Amino acid sequence: NTAATFNIEVVGIVMNWLLREGGVDEMEQRSIEKAGMIYDLVDTSDGFYSTPISDKALRSRMNTPFDIAGGDDELTKEFLIQAWEQGIVGLRTLTPFGVGKYLRASLYNGVSVENTKILARFMMDFAEKNQDRVMQR
């Protein structure tokens, strides 16, 4: 039997990258920082953003789910279009059940702290520009 050489090669490349970046401990610290940025923004947005995971001990560091104005379709579509225009993609998840009201920021190891800051700044700006629209409803 021949080993899956392509898979072995890819794992080797990823492991070498991980070691060059500081190893597992560094990845854990980055993960904590990145998830904290997004969850803190959601938690302090006065309800503009919300997450279905209220227990902070249960929140994922890799996938941070959030909605916009309680799942408002119009604002969510605008958010996704404006995000896409700035190169921020992959926030809407298609499941076998369709799309739900929650978006998801996937913060895997390949997503840098700087990329996460860009997303957080975009989310803050979008909330500031659209907070009045939510208050009027």
C-alpha atoms as a PDB file:
ATOM      1  CA  ASN A   1       0.000   0.000   0.000  1.00  0.00           C
ATOM      2  CA  THR A   2       1.268   3.433  -0.956  1.00  0.00           C
ATOM      3  CA  ALA A   3       0.999   6.180   1.604  1.00  0.00           C
ATOM      4  CA  ALA A   4      -0.938   9.306   0.654  1.00  0.00           C
ATOM      5  CA  THR A   5       2.222  11.217  -0.241  1.00  0.00           C
ATOM      6  CA  PHE A   6       0.475  14.462  -1.202  1.00  0.00           C
ATOM      7  CA  ASN A   7      -1.271  14.596   2.178  1.00  0.00           C
ATOM      8  CA  ILE A   8       1.979  13.850   3.996  1.00  0.00           C
ATOM      9  CA  GLU A   9       3.747  16.619   2.051  1.00  0.00           C
ATOM     10  CA  VAL A  10       1.016  19.171   2.829  1.00  0.00           C
ATOM     11  CA  VAL A  11       1.039  18.288   6.536  1.00  0.00           C
ATOM     12  CA  GLY A  12       4.816  18.708   6.542  1.00  0.00           C
ATOM     13  CA  ILE A  13       4.551  22.160   4.923  1.00  0.00           C
ATOM     14  CA  VAL A  14       1.904  23.261   7.421  1.00  0.00           C
ATOM     15  CA  MET A  15       3.869  21.933  10.414  1.00  0.00           C
ATOM     16  CA  ASN A  16       7.024  23.731   9.273  1.00  0.00           C
ATOM     17  CA  TRP A  17       5.040  26.971   8.883  1.00  0.00           C
ATOM     18  CA  LEU A  18       3.526  26.511  12.338  1.00  0.00           C
ATOM     19  CA  LEU A  19       6.973  26.012  13.880  1.00  0.00           C
ATOM     20  CA  ARG A  20       8.396  29.083  12.073  1.00  0.00           C
ATOM     21  CA  GLU A  21       5.463  31.143  13.398  1.00  0.00           C
ATOM     22  CA  GLY A  22       6.180  30.187  17.005  1.00  0.00           C
ATOM     23  CA  GLY A  23       4.486  26.841  17.475  1.00  0.00           C
ATOM     24  CA  VAL A  24       1.298  25.772  19.163  1.00  0.00           C
ATOM     25  CA  ASP A  25       1.623  28.183  22.102  1.00  0.00           C
ATOM     26  CA  GLU A  26       1.913  31.160  19.739  1.00  0.00           C
ATOM     27  CA  MET A  27      -1.070  29.955  17.692  1.00  0.00           C
ATOM     28  CA  GLU A  28      -3.106  29.656  20.895  1.00  0.00           C
ATOM     29  CA  GLN A  29      -2.253  33.221  21.935  1.00  0.00           C
ATOM     30  CA  ARG A  30      -3.135  34.567  18.487  1.00  0.00           C
ATOM     31  CA  SER A  31      -6.381  32.622  18.537  1.00  0.00           C
ATOM     32  CA  ILE A  32      -7.350  34.064  21.914  1.00  0.00           C
ATOM     33  CA  GLU A  33      -6.548  37.585  20.693  1.00  0.00           C
ATOM     34  CA  LYS A  34      -8.441  37.242  17.412  1.00  0.00           C
ATOM     35  CA  ALA A  35     -11.594  35.735  18.924  1.00  0.00           C
ATOM     36  CA  GLY A  36     -11.493  38.281  21.740  1.00  0.00           C
ATOM     37  CA  MET A  37     -11.465  41.140  19.227  1.00  0.00           C
ATOM     38  CA  ILE A  38     -14.622  39.945  17.501  1.00  0.00           C
ATOM     39  CA  TYR A  39     -16.544  38.793  20.574  1.00  0.00           C
ATOM     40  CA  ASP A  40     -15.681  41.985  22.496  1.00  0.00           C
ATOM     41  CA  LEU A  41     -16.965  44.061  19.597  1.00  0.00           C
ATOM     42  CA  VAL A  42     -20.180  42.019  19.430  1.00  0.00           C
ATOM     43  CA  ASP A  43     -20.678  42.202  23.210  1.00  0.00           C
ATOM     44  CA  THR A  44     -20.195  45.980  23.347  1.00  0.00           C
ATOM     45  CA  SER A  45     -22.236  46.878  20.249  1.00  0.00           C
ATOM     46  CA  ASP A  46     -25.401  47.746  22.213  1.00  0.00           C
ATOM     47  CA  GLY A  47     -27.267  44.970  20.434  1.00  0.00           C
ATOM     48  CA  PHE A  48     -26.295  45.913  16.883  1.00  0.00           C
ATOM     49  CA  TYR A  49     -24.438  42.604  16.720  1.00  0.00           C
ATOM     50  CA  SER A  50     -25.293  39.537  18.776  1.00  0.00           C
ATOM     51  CA  THR A  51     -24.097  35.964  19.089  1.00  0.00           C
ATOM     52  CA  PRO A  52     -26.083  32.840  19.906  1.00  0.00           C
ATOM     53  CA  ILE A  53     -23.386  31.769  22.377  1.00  0.00           C
ATOM     54  CA  SER A  54     -23.949  33.820  25.514  1.00  0.00           C
ATOM     55  CA  ASP A  55     -21.817  31.604  27.780  1.00  0.00           C
ATOM     56  CA  LYS A  56     -18.308  32.900  27.167  1.00  0.00           C
ATOM     57  CA  ALA A  57     -16.775  29.600  28.294  1.00  0.00           C
ATOM     58  CA  LEU A  58     -18.471  27.836  25.371  1.00  0.00           C
ATOM     59  CA  ARG A  59     -17.465  30.245  22.597  1.00  0.00           C
ATOM     60  CA  SER A  60     -15.316  28.958  19.790  1.00  0.00           C
ATOM     61  CA  ARG A  61     -12.034  30.673  19.048  1.00  0.00           C
ATOM     62  CA  MET A  62     -12.049  29.403  15.483  1.00  0.00           C
ATOM     63  CA  ASN A  63     -15.587  30.288  14.377  1.00  0.00           C
ATOM     64  CA  THR A  64     -17.266  33.362  15.814  1.00  0.00           C
ATOM     65  CA  PRO A  65     -20.971  33.467  14.908  1.00  0.00           C
ATOM     66  CA  PHE A  66     -22.801  36.781  14.951  1.00  0.00           C
ATOM     67  CA  ASP A  67     -25.856  38.430  13.504  1.00  0.00           C
ATOM     68  CA  ILE A  68     -26.637  41.974  12.490  1.00  0.00           C
ATOM     69  CA  ALA A  69     -29.562  43.756  14.134  1.00  0.00           C
ATOM     70  CA  GLY A  70     -31.214  40.507  15.180  1.00  0.00           C
ATOM     71  CA  GLY A  71     -30.785  38.988  11.727  1.00  0.00           C
ATOM     72  CA  ASP A  72     -32.169  41.923   9.720  1.00  0.00           C
ATOM     73  CA  ASP A  73     -32.047  40.716   6.101  1.00  0.00           C
ATOM     74  CA  GLU A  74     -31.505  44.108   4.490  1.00  0.00           C
ATOM     75  CA  LEU A  75     -28.665  45.156   6.789  1.00  0.00           C
ATOM     76  CA  THR A  76     -27.071  41.713   6.574  1.00  0.00           C
ATOM     77  CA  LYS A  77     -27.038  41.868   2.764  1.00  0.00           C
ATOM     78  CA  GLU A  78     -25.542  45.371   2.854  1.00  0.00           C
ATOM     79  CA  PHE A  79     -22.938  44.212   5.384  1.00  0.00           C
ATOM     80  CA  LEU A  80     -21.925  41.279   3.193  1.00  0.00           C
ATOM     81  CA  ILE A  81     -21.710  43.400   0.028  1.00  0.00           C
ATOM     82  CA  GLN A  82     -19.634  46.105   1.703  1.00  0.00           C
ATOM     83  CA  ALA A  83     -17.402  43.481   3.324  1.00  0.00           C
ATOM     84  CA  TRP A  84     -16.890  41.785  -0.041  1.00  0.00           C
ATOM     85  CA  GLU A  85     -15.988  45.128  -1.617  1.00  0.00           C
ATOM     86  CA  GLN A  86     -13.194  45.401   0.960  1.00  0.00           C
ATOM     87  CA  GLY A  87     -11.947  41.867   0.354  1.00  0.00           C
ATOM     88  CA  ILE A  88     -13.602  40.375   3.427  1.00  0.00           C
ATOM     89  CA  VAL A  89     -15.229  37.140   2.289  1.00  0.00           C
ATOM     90  CA  GLY A  90     -16.554  33.866   3.635  1.00  0.00           C
ATOM     91  CA  LEU A  91     -18.811  35.298   6.330  1.00  0.00           C
ATOM     92  CA  ARG A  92     -22.043  33.682   5.119  1.00  0.00           C
ATOM     93  CA  THR A  93     -22.205  29.938   5.623  1.00  0.00           C
ATOM     94  CA  LEU A  94     -24.388  27.717   3.491  1.00  0.00           C
ATOM     95  CA  THR A  95     -25.602  24.635   5.348  1.00  0.00           C
ATOM     96  CA  PRO A  96     -27.795  21.742   4.204  1.00  0.00           C
ATOM     97  CA  PHE A  97     -30.640  23.738   5.779  1.00  0.00           C
ATOM     98  CA  GLY A  98     -29.908  26.906   3.772  1.00  0.00           C
ATOM     99  CA  VAL A  99     -28.565  30.099   5.268  1.00  0.00           C
ATOM    100  CA  GLY A 100     -29.546  31.226   8.721  1.00  0.00           C
ATOM    101  CA  LYS A 101     -29.506  34.637  10.321  1.00  0.00           C
ATOM    102  CA  TYR A 102     -25.987  34.166  11.692  1.00  0.00           C
ATOM    103  CA  LEU A 103     -22.795  35.009   9.889  1.00  0.00           C
ATOM    104  CA  ARG A 104     -19.518  33.392  10.880  1.00  0.00           C
ATOM    105  CA  ALA A 105     -16.036  34.823  11.045  1.00  0.00           C
ATOM    106  CA  SER A 106     -13.663  31.875  10.681  1.00  0.00           C
ATOM    107  CA  LEU A 107     -10.435  32.729  12.461  1.00  0.00           C
ATOM    108  CA  TYR A 108      -8.276  29.746  11.596  1.00  0.00           C
ATOM    109  CA  ASN A 109      -4.499  29.836  12.049  1.00  0.00           C
ATOM    110  CA  GLY A 110      -3.990  31.144   8.510  1.00  0.00           C
ATOM    111  CA  VAL A 111      -6.029  34.270   9.349  1.00  0.00           C
ATOM    112  CA  SER A 112      -3.631  36.814  10.830  1.00  0.00           C
ATOM    113  CA  VAL A 113      -4.226  39.139  13.751  1.00  0.00           C
ATOM    114  CA  GLU A 114      -3.990  42.008  11.234  1.00  0.00           C
ATOM    115  CA  ASN A 115      -6.722  40.415   9.054  1.00  0.00           C
ATOM    116  CA  THR A 116      -8.908  40.164  12.153  1.00  0.00           C
ATOM    117  CA  LYS A 117      -8.269  43.828  12.992  1.00  0.00           C
ATOM    118  CA  ILE A 118      -9.423  44.752   9.485  1.00  0.00           C
ATOM    119  CA  LEU A 119     -12.654  42.813  10.019  1.00  0.00           C
ATOM    120  CA  ALA A 120     -13.182  44.359  13.466  1.00  0.00           C
ATOM    121  CA  ARG A 121     -12.641  47.889  12.098  1.00  0.00           C
ATOM    122  CA  PHE A 122     -15.090  47.211   9.293  1.00  0.00           C
ATOM    123  CA  MET A 123     -17.662  45.868  11.756  1.00  0.00           C
ATOM    124  CA  MET A 124     -17.256  48.923  14.024  1.00  0.00           C
ATOM    125  CA  ASP A 125     -17.599  51.339  11.107  1.00  0.00           C
ATOM    126  CA  PHE A 126     -20.642  49.514   9.747  1.00  0.00           C
ATOM    127  CA  ALA A 127     -22.346  49.562  13.143  1.00  0.00           C
ATOM    128  CA  GLU A 128     -21.630  53.275  13.627  1.00  0.00           C
ATOM    129  CA  LYS A 129     -23.020  54.141  10.184  1.00  0.00           C
ATOM    130  CA  ASN A 130     -26.142  52.023  10.582  1.00  0.00           C
ATOM    131  CA  GLN A 131     -27.009  52.197  14.287  1.00  0.00           C
ATOM    132  CA  ASP A 132     -29.669  54.865  13.624  1.00  0.00           C
ATOM    133  CA  ARG A 133     -31.452  52.599  11.135  1.00  0.00           C
ATOM    134  CA  VAL A 134     -31.809  49.935  13.801  1.00  0.00           C
ATOM    135  CA  MET A 135     -33.042  52.405  16.408  1.00  0.00           C
ATOM    136  CA  GLN A 136     -35.769  53.641  14.020  1.00  0.00           C
ATOM    137  CA  ARG A 137     -37.292  50.162  13.706  1.00  0.00           C
END
